[in-house]
Protein backbone atom coordinates (compact mmCIF):
# COMPACT_ATOMS: atom_id res chain seq x y z
CA MET A 1 95.39 129.72 100.02
CA GLY A 2 97.24 127.03 101.83
CA ALA A 3 98.63 123.74 100.58
CA PRO A 4 95.98 121.18 99.63
CA SER A 5 94.96 118.66 102.23
CA LEU A 6 94.40 114.91 101.98
CA GLN A 7 90.63 115.61 102.04
CA ASP A 8 91.05 118.09 99.14
CA GLY A 9 92.84 115.46 97.17
CA ILE A 10 90.07 112.85 97.88
CA ASP A 11 87.40 115.35 96.91
CA LYS A 12 89.06 116.26 93.65
CA ALA A 13 89.84 112.64 92.68
CA GLY A 14 86.32 111.49 93.65
CA SER A 15 87.29 108.73 95.99
CA PRO A 16 90.27 107.56 98.09
CA ILE A 17 90.84 104.82 95.56
CA ARG A 18 90.83 107.18 92.62
CA LEU A 19 93.38 109.21 94.41
CA LEU A 20 95.71 106.26 95.32
CA TRP A 21 95.44 103.71 92.49
CA ARG A 22 98.38 103.65 90.08
CA GLN A 23 99.33 101.02 87.77
CA ASN A 24 103.02 99.91 87.88
CA PRO A 25 104.20 102.58 90.29
CA GLU A 26 107.90 103.34 90.65
CA PRO A 27 109.42 100.86 93.26
CA TRP A 28 110.50 102.25 96.64
CA ASN A 29 114.06 101.92 97.83
CA PRO A 30 115.83 103.23 100.89
CA GLU A 31 117.15 106.77 100.27
CA ASN A 32 120.93 107.41 100.15
CA ILE A 33 121.89 103.77 100.02
CA GLU A 34 123.38 102.08 96.97
CA PRO A 35 121.14 99.40 95.48
CA GLU A 36 123.85 96.72 95.97
CA TYR A 37 127.20 96.66 97.54
CA ALA A 38 128.27 92.86 97.27
CA GLY A 39 125.26 91.92 95.17
CA TRP A 40 121.75 91.40 96.59
CA ARG A 41 122.13 87.57 96.75
CA ALA A 42 125.40 87.78 98.89
CA GLU A 43 123.78 90.40 100.96
CA GLN A 44 120.55 88.36 101.73
CA ALA A 45 122.83 85.35 102.52
CA ALA A 46 124.95 87.37 104.97
CA TRP A 47 122.36 87.76 107.70
CA HIS A 48 121.74 83.94 107.54
CA THR A 49 125.33 82.68 107.44
CA GLY A 50 127.72 85.41 108.54
CA VAL A 51 127.13 88.94 109.54
CA SER A 52 125.66 91.98 107.73
CA LEU A 53 125.52 95.73 108.24
CA SER A 54 122.43 97.73 107.23
CA ASP A 55 122.39 101.46 107.20
CA LEU A 56 118.94 102.52 108.45
CA SER A 57 119.82 106.16 108.91
CA HIS A 58 118.10 107.60 105.94
CA HIS A 59 114.77 106.12 105.10
CA MET A 60 112.70 106.56 108.16
CA PHE A 61 111.12 109.60 109.86
CA ASP A 62 111.96 110.16 113.55
CA THR A 63 109.54 112.15 115.72
CA PHE A 64 110.93 113.15 119.17
CA ILE A 65 108.09 113.60 121.73
CA GLU A 66 108.63 115.19 124.99
CA GLY A 67 106.76 116.97 127.70
CA PRO A 68 104.74 116.41 130.92
CA ASP A 69 101.87 114.89 128.93
CA ALA A 70 103.93 112.62 126.57
CA THR A 71 103.02 109.33 128.18
CA ARG A 72 99.31 110.20 128.60
CA LEU A 73 99.08 111.30 125.01
CA LEU A 74 100.74 108.22 123.69
CA SER A 75 98.67 105.85 125.93
CA GLU A 76 95.41 107.54 124.73
CA VAL A 77 96.12 107.22 121.04
CA SER A 78 97.53 103.70 120.98
CA ALA A 79 96.79 100.21 122.22
CA ASN A 80 100.25 99.66 123.87
CA ASN A 81 100.92 98.95 127.53
CA TYR A 82 102.80 101.89 129.23
CA GLU A 83 102.81 100.50 132.81
CA LYS A 84 106.13 98.62 132.45
CA PHE A 85 107.58 100.56 129.57
CA ALA A 86 111.13 101.14 130.77
CA ILE A 87 113.57 103.84 129.70
CA GLY A 88 115.69 102.24 126.85
CA GLN A 89 112.89 99.83 125.86
CA ALA A 90 111.11 99.89 122.39
CA LYS A 91 107.72 98.66 121.34
CA GLN A 92 105.82 98.09 118.14
CA PHE A 93 103.60 101.14 118.31
CA ILE A 94 99.91 100.25 117.67
CA PRO A 95 97.61 103.27 116.94
CA VAL A 96 94.17 102.47 115.74
CA THR A 97 91.09 104.39 114.71
CA ALA A 98 87.79 104.44 116.68
CA ARG A 99 86.64 101.60 114.32
CA GLY A 100 89.68 99.41 115.27
CA ASN A 101 91.60 99.82 111.92
CA ILE A 102 95.31 100.28 112.17
CA VAL A 103 96.64 103.73 111.26
CA THR A 104 100.02 102.08 110.61
CA ASP A 105 102.69 101.01 113.02
CA GLY A 106 106.06 102.37 114.07
CA ILE A 107 108.84 101.69 116.59
CA LEU A 108 108.43 103.71 119.78
CA GLU A 109 111.40 103.86 122.12
CA ARG A 110 111.23 105.47 125.57
CA THR A 111 114.34 107.75 125.92
CA GLY A 112 113.39 109.52 129.29
CA GLU A 113 110.78 109.65 131.96
CA GLN A 114 108.55 111.76 129.60
CA ALA A 115 110.52 111.43 126.34
CA TYR A 116 110.13 109.12 123.39
CA THR A 117 111.22 108.60 119.91
CA LEU A 118 108.74 107.27 117.27
CA SER A 119 110.47 105.98 114.12
CA GLY A 120 109.21 104.64 110.80
CA ILE A 121 106.98 105.92 108.01
CA PRO A 122 105.24 109.11 109.24
CA ALA A 123 101.69 108.04 109.11
CA ALA A 124 101.66 106.98 112.87
CA GLN A 125 103.72 110.06 113.84
CA ASN A 126 101.07 112.35 112.07
CA TRP A 127 98.40 110.65 114.11
CA VAL A 128 100.27 111.34 117.41
CA LYS A 129 101.06 114.88 116.50
CA TYR A 130 97.49 115.73 115.42
CA HIS A 131 96.02 114.60 118.65
CA GLY A 132 98.81 116.15 120.66
CA GLU A 133 98.29 119.57 118.90
CA THR A 134 94.52 119.49 118.97
CA GLY A 135 93.83 117.87 122.25
CA GLY A 136 95.39 120.28 124.65
CA TYR A 137 98.33 118.11 125.66
CA ASP A 138 101.46 119.70 127.18
CA VAL A 139 103.87 118.00 124.76
CA ALA A 140 106.27 119.15 122.10
CA PHE A 141 107.31 117.42 118.90
CA VAL A 142 110.38 117.60 116.66
CA THR A 143 110.26 115.62 113.49
CA ASP A 144 113.37 114.64 111.53
CA PRO A 145 112.18 113.46 108.10
CA SER A 146 113.83 110.97 105.86
CA SER A 147 116.69 112.00 103.70
CA ALA A 148 114.30 112.26 100.79
CA PHE A 149 112.66 115.26 102.55
CA ARG A 150 115.63 116.72 104.46
CA GLY A 151 116.88 119.13 101.76
CA GLY A 152 120.43 117.73 101.82
CA ALA A 153 120.83 118.04 105.75
CA ASN A 154 122.26 115.20 107.70
CA PRO A 155 120.03 112.99 109.85
CA ALA A 156 119.72 113.65 113.53
CA LEU A 157 120.57 110.06 114.31
CA PHE A 158 122.67 107.23 112.83
CA ARG A 159 121.13 103.81 112.91
CA TYR A 160 123.20 100.79 111.97
CA GLN A 161 121.75 97.31 112.14
CA VAL A 162 124.25 94.41 112.56
CA GLN A 163 122.88 90.90 112.37
CA GLY A 164 123.61 87.36 111.68
CA PRO A 165 125.22 84.36 113.42
CA HIS A 166 128.49 86.31 114.03
CA ALA A 167 126.84 89.54 115.13
CA LYS A 168 127.62 89.02 118.69
CA GLU A 169 131.20 88.11 118.04
CA LEU A 170 131.57 91.29 116.02
CA ALA A 171 130.12 93.26 118.84
CA GLU A 172 132.50 91.70 121.42
CA THR A 173 135.46 92.58 119.18
CA VAL A 174 134.38 96.18 118.68
CA PHE A 175 133.49 96.85 122.27
CA GLY A 176 136.21 94.76 123.87
CA GLY A 177 133.94 92.14 125.41
CA PRO A 178 130.32 91.05 125.78
CA LEU A 179 127.67 93.77 125.65
CA PRO A 180 125.56 94.04 128.90
CA PRO A 181 122.67 91.55 128.73
CA SER A 182 119.47 92.97 127.32
CA LYS A 183 116.05 91.51 126.33
CA PHE A 184 114.58 91.82 122.84
CA PHE A 185 113.70 95.38 121.97
CA HIS A 186 115.60 96.73 124.89
CA SER A 187 118.70 98.82 124.55
CA VAL A 188 121.87 99.21 126.64
CA PRO A 189 124.40 102.12 126.65
CA VAL A 190 127.79 101.47 124.93
CA GLU A 191 130.85 103.45 124.45
CA LEU A 192 133.35 103.41 121.58
CA ASN A 193 136.57 105.58 121.56
CA GLY A 194 134.76 108.04 123.92
CA THR A 195 131.65 108.09 121.83
CA ARG A 196 128.50 107.12 123.75
CA PHE A 197 125.42 105.59 121.99
CA ARG A 198 122.94 102.74 122.30
CA ALA A 199 122.73 99.22 121.29
CA LEU A 200 119.14 97.95 120.75
CA ARG A 201 118.45 94.24 120.55
CA HIS A 202 116.56 94.24 117.27
CA ASN A 203 116.79 92.84 113.74
CA MET A 204 114.79 92.35 110.55
CA ALA A 205 115.10 88.79 109.41
CA GLY A 206 115.11 86.63 112.52
CA GLN A 207 118.84 86.50 113.24
CA ASP A 208 120.62 87.68 116.31
CA GLY A 209 121.88 91.30 116.33
CA TYR A 210 121.81 94.83 117.42
CA GLU A 211 120.83 98.34 116.12
CA PHE A 212 123.40 100.86 117.12
CA ILE A 213 121.80 104.16 117.51
CA GLY A 214 123.46 107.51 118.26
CA PRO A 215 124.09 111.19 117.25
CA TRP A 216 124.95 111.72 113.52
CA GLU A 217 128.16 113.51 114.31
CA HIS A 218 129.63 110.12 115.14
CA ALA A 219 128.12 108.21 112.32
CA ALA A 220 131.09 107.88 110.08
CA ALA A 221 133.42 106.76 112.78
CA VAL A 222 131.10 104.14 114.13
CA LYS A 223 130.36 102.71 110.63
CA GLU A 224 133.91 102.58 109.72
CA THR A 225 134.84 100.81 112.90
CA LEU A 226 132.00 98.25 112.60
CA LEU A 227 132.95 97.56 108.94
CA GLY A 228 136.63 97.34 109.64
CA ALA A 229 136.31 94.96 112.56
CA GLY A 230 133.73 93.01 110.56
CA GLU A 231 136.24 92.05 107.84
CA ALA A 232 137.54 89.27 110.07
CA PHE A 233 134.02 87.88 110.00
CA GLY A 234 133.28 88.48 106.36
CA ILE A 235 130.93 91.31 107.04
CA VAL A 236 128.59 92.34 104.15
CA HIS A 237 127.36 95.83 103.68
CA VAL A 238 123.69 95.42 102.72
CA GLY A 239 122.27 97.56 99.91
CA ALA A 240 118.79 98.91 99.42
CA LEU A 241 117.52 95.93 97.31
CA ALA A 242 118.31 93.24 99.92
CA TYR A 243 117.30 95.40 102.93
CA ALA A 244 113.90 96.04 101.50
CA SER A 245 113.31 92.38 101.13
CA ALA A 246 114.30 91.45 104.75
CA SER A 247 110.81 92.16 106.08
CA VAL A 248 109.29 89.41 103.92
CA GLU A 249 111.42 86.86 105.79
CA SER A 250 110.77 88.34 109.33
CA GLY A 251 107.06 88.51 108.88
CA TRP A 252 106.61 92.31 109.20
CA ILE A 253 104.13 93.90 106.78
CA PRO A 254 105.39 97.47 106.11
CA SER A 255 103.05 100.43 105.59
CA PRO A 256 99.54 99.01 105.84
CA VAL A 257 96.86 101.31 104.36
CA PRO A 258 95.88 103.73 107.19
CA GLY A 259 92.23 103.28 108.10
CA ILE A 260 91.49 106.93 107.98
CA TYR A 261 89.99 107.79 104.63
CA THR A 262 86.16 107.18 105.23
CA ASP A 263 85.21 107.75 108.87
CA PRO A 264 83.21 110.92 109.04
CA GLU A 265 84.68 111.58 112.53
CA LEU A 266 88.14 111.82 110.99
CA ALA A 267 87.20 114.64 108.48
CA GLY A 268 89.26 117.10 110.70
CA TYR A 269 92.22 114.78 110.56
CA ARG A 270 92.06 114.49 106.75
CA ALA A 271 91.74 118.32 106.54
CA TRP A 272 94.86 118.61 108.73
CA LEU A 273 96.97 116.09 106.72
CA PRO A 274 98.73 117.36 103.67
CA LEU A 275 97.86 115.87 100.34
CA PHE A 276 101.50 115.53 99.58
CA GLY A 277 102.34 113.19 102.42
CA ILE A 278 102.45 109.47 102.96
CA GLU A 279 98.54 109.16 103.31
CA GLY A 280 98.00 110.93 99.92
CA GLN A 281 100.83 109.57 97.81
CA ARG A 282 101.58 105.95 98.87
CA PRO A 283 100.15 104.19 95.81
CA LEU A 284 97.87 101.15 95.60
CA ASN A 285 98.33 98.64 92.67
CA GLY A 286 98.17 94.93 91.84
CA SER A 287 95.72 92.32 90.51
CA PHE A 288 93.43 92.85 93.54
CA PHE A 289 91.15 95.80 93.09
CA SER A 290 88.27 97.21 95.04
CA ALA A 291 86.60 100.55 94.70
CA ASP A 292 86.04 100.72 98.45
CA ILE A 293 89.18 101.75 100.26
CA GLU A 294 87.77 99.96 103.38
CA ASP A 295 88.70 96.70 101.71
CA TYR A 296 92.25 97.55 102.18
CA TYR A 297 92.03 98.39 105.98
CA LEU A 298 93.57 96.09 108.36
CA SER A 299 93.01 95.22 112.02
CA PRO A 300 96.20 94.89 114.22
CA TYR A 301 95.06 91.35 114.96
CA GLU A 302 95.38 90.48 111.34
CA LEU A 303 98.94 91.72 111.47
CA ASP A 304 99.68 89.54 114.47
CA TYR A 305 99.89 92.39 116.93
CA GLY A 306 97.37 90.99 119.29
CA ARG A 307 100.02 90.17 121.88
CA SER A 308 100.92 93.82 122.03
CA ILE A 309 97.49 95.15 122.63
CA SER A 310 96.61 96.07 126.27
CA PHE A 311 93.16 96.89 127.55
CA ASN A 312 94.51 98.29 130.83
CA HIS A 313 93.83 101.79 129.81
CA ASP A 314 91.40 103.81 127.70
CA PHE A 315 92.48 104.66 124.17
CA ILE A 316 91.02 105.45 120.80
CA GLY A 317 89.65 102.21 119.30
CA ARG A 318 89.53 100.29 122.57
CA ASP A 319 85.87 99.14 122.24
CA ALA A 320 86.35 98.23 118.58
CA LEU A 321 89.49 96.11 119.37
CA GLN A 322 87.64 94.30 122.24
CA ALA A 323 84.76 93.42 119.98
CA ALA A 324 87.15 92.33 117.22
CA LYS A 325 89.38 90.20 119.32
CA ASP A 326 87.65 86.83 118.86
CA THR A 327 85.95 87.73 115.48
CA VAL A 328 88.72 88.45 113.02
CA THR A 329 88.48 86.16 110.08
CA ARG A 330 91.95 86.73 108.43
CA THR A 331 95.57 86.28 109.47
CA LYS A 332 99.09 86.85 108.24
CA VAL A 333 100.96 84.07 106.41
CA THR A 334 103.89 83.72 103.93
CA VAL A 335 102.90 82.50 100.43
CA VAL A 336 105.71 80.51 98.73
CA LEU A 337 105.51 80.88 94.92
CA ASP A 338 106.30 77.79 92.78
CA PRO A 339 109.77 78.32 91.19
CA ALA A 340 108.72 76.83 87.86
CA ASP A 341 105.72 78.97 87.50
CA VAL A 342 107.81 81.98 88.59
CA ALA A 343 110.32 81.31 85.88
CA ALA A 344 107.63 80.80 83.33
CA VAL A 345 105.68 84.05 84.19
CA LEU A 346 108.50 86.37 85.11
CA GLY A 347 111.47 84.77 83.39
CA PRO A 348 115.04 84.03 84.69
CA ASP A 349 117.66 86.71 85.45
CA GLN A 350 120.12 87.79 82.76
CA SER A 351 122.22 84.67 83.22
CA GLY A 352 119.25 82.64 82.07
CA THR A 353 119.55 80.23 85.04
CA ASP A 354 118.53 81.91 88.21
CA LEU A 355 115.48 83.90 89.40
CA GLY A 356 116.01 87.66 89.05
CA TYR A 357 115.41 90.19 91.77
CA TYR A 358 111.70 91.17 92.31
CA LEU A 359 110.27 93.36 95.00
CA THR A 360 106.62 94.70 94.90
CA TYR A 361 104.19 96.02 97.44
CA ALA A 362 101.35 95.18 94.95
CA ARG A 363 98.11 93.87 96.31
CA HIS A 364 97.90 90.68 94.22
CA ARG A 365 94.72 88.34 94.47
CA ILE A 366 95.37 85.02 96.15
CA GLU A 367 92.82 82.48 94.98
CA THR A 368 91.70 79.04 95.72
CA GLY A 369 91.59 76.26 93.08
CA ASP A 370 88.07 77.39 91.85
CA GLY A 371 89.05 81.12 91.67
CA THR A 372 87.52 82.18 95.03
CA LEU A 373 89.40 85.06 96.68
CA ALA A 374 91.44 83.62 99.61
CA GLY A 375 93.58 86.71 100.47
CA VAL A 376 95.78 89.45 99.27
CA THR A 377 99.59 89.83 99.01
CA TYR A 378 101.17 92.78 100.86
CA GLN A 379 104.98 92.47 100.10
CA THR A 380 106.47 90.19 97.63
CA ALA A 381 110.29 89.64 97.04
CA THR A 382 112.78 87.22 95.67
CA ILE A 383 114.55 85.53 98.56
CA ASP A 384 117.66 83.90 97.17
CA THR A 385 118.20 81.66 100.20
CA THR A 386 114.90 80.03 99.46
CA GLY A 387 115.26 79.61 95.70
CA THR A 388 112.02 81.34 94.96
CA ILE A 389 109.70 84.30 95.62
CA LEU A 390 107.94 84.69 98.90
CA SER A 391 104.83 86.91 99.46
CA LEU A 392 103.86 88.25 102.94
CA SER A 393 100.10 88.01 102.70
CA ILE A 394 96.75 88.33 104.57
CA VAL A 395 94.45 85.36 104.01
CA ASP A 396 91.21 84.04 105.25
CA LYS A 397 91.90 81.65 108.28
CA ALA A 398 90.10 78.91 106.39
CA HIS A 399 93.05 78.91 103.88
CA ALA A 400 95.91 79.65 106.40
CA ALA A 401 97.15 76.20 107.24
CA PRO A 402 100.79 75.66 106.31
CA GLY A 403 100.68 73.52 103.03
CA THR A 404 97.48 74.91 101.66
CA ALA A 405 97.67 75.17 97.83
CA VAL A 406 96.59 78.55 96.45
CA THR A 407 97.38 80.55 93.35
CA VAL A 408 98.62 84.14 93.08
CA VAL A 409 97.16 86.26 90.20
CA TRP A 410 100.11 88.22 88.78
CA GLY A 411 99.05 91.39 87.05
CA GLU A 412 98.10 95.06 87.27
CA HIS A 413 94.37 95.93 87.32
CA PRO A 414 93.69 99.17 85.59
CA GLY A 415 91.59 100.47 88.49
CA SER A 416 88.28 102.45 88.48
CA GLY A 417 86.22 101.91 85.26
CA THR A 418 87.07 98.16 85.11
CA ALA A 419 85.09 95.65 87.28
CA PRO A 420 87.10 94.33 90.16
CA ASP A 421 86.52 90.70 89.01
CA ALA A 422 86.95 91.17 85.36
CA ASP A 423 88.86 88.45 83.52
CA LEU A 424 91.89 90.34 82.39
CA GLY A 425 93.89 87.24 81.34
CA PHE A 426 96.40 87.53 84.09
CA PRO A 427 98.69 84.56 84.68
CA ARG A 428 98.28 82.35 87.70
CA ILE A 429 101.27 81.29 89.79
CA ARG A 430 100.90 78.14 91.89
CA ALA A 431 101.80 78.76 95.54
CA THR A 432 101.80 77.21 99.02
CA VAL A 433 100.96 78.78 102.29
CA ALA A 434 103.72 78.79 105.03
CA PRO A 435 103.97 80.47 108.40
CA ALA A 436 104.89 84.02 109.00
CA PRO A 437 107.58 84.55 109.89
CA TYR A 438 108.96 82.26 107.25
CA ASP A 439 112.45 81.94 108.73
CA ALA A 440 112.62 79.15 111.14
CA TYR A 441 114.61 81.13 113.52
CA ALA A 442 112.45 84.07 113.39
CA ALA A 443 109.40 81.90 113.96
CA THR A 444 110.67 79.93 117.02
CA GLN A 445 113.54 81.96 118.56
CA TYR A 446 113.15 85.62 117.81
CA ARG A 447 111.89 86.61 121.16
CA ARG A 448 113.27 84.01 123.51
CA HIS A 449 116.56 85.72 124.49
């Protein structure tokens, strides 16, 4: 008898929600990275005021896709435009189901004429592999999992993110002059002491910078060089706590619930997926609760991926996305929690003066003044540079204008067996709607260079 599938887990639990709902789950932190190096406050400040280095080599899966049908496969399972997808360019990968719900996103980089690397959490990679393996495509896959699942082996690639106002100066120091010009999400080849790798224009919190990506055998030497040269610029090594909060500032919602749990046409896919994978183990929790998993599904339009959707080709979900284009009623925002209410509900840190560090992927209710549901939080974190907690959220467009007053219900619904709207006495935290990305640079300059 084989290992249980996702469908086996759903059947045994009784529903997708019963499978996934967990009160107060263990917080996720990137693998093989210390929680803090200089302290989370200094690390958050570094990408705003100086320069920071984040080691992204361990917490993502990489699937290497290659073969005569690689481009055709990817174009048929995602909404991206492949007509002008240059070698060395990367895109936010957008796979959707036939009903137009996102499977989850990833970063897709074209590394050759028919070669790609898809990085991120493995849900999008599973979607591609399933269709590639069952659809008769001439394509091969090699997956390098995160360090949590690698059994002590080294990653295939190093990935070092250098960002902040002094990132370009640091790069010029390390490489002996300006790097070749490149657009956002495009990479250029670089060489350091005879080692060749790539510099991708990319970052996580709106500031200028690069991701340096190359074979793991050169990882230690490249990292040592970057940190050593960075001492002149006050470089700060970013730990797991600060790094995990960066997406709140930059406006990227990580790990949306895959829209795969209910469609009868995806029964074969659920039977193919393992139970003990991302789709069967990523927990749901928070003050927002629904017994219907479809209430957690998201359209790529709600995630602000509309500019990356192309209808110049046929793909799974094309008709659904065309129908949804002008009818989506929710949008992504940043919700800024009131500092006084945060201190009253959550308490200060051990010094008794400052806010402590909080990071949660809980789905908390966002309400209007009369208690009407206005939206749901998706990632919430203390951002020291703002003096409060920010929550990256999806809200009804009627409540999305910057400055709109809302409240966040802070608590852990027990799940099935308790009414979704039961009054559980959870505290309310006053909050204000702001744009996403919250960071002014990210919101206005991120893609202009």
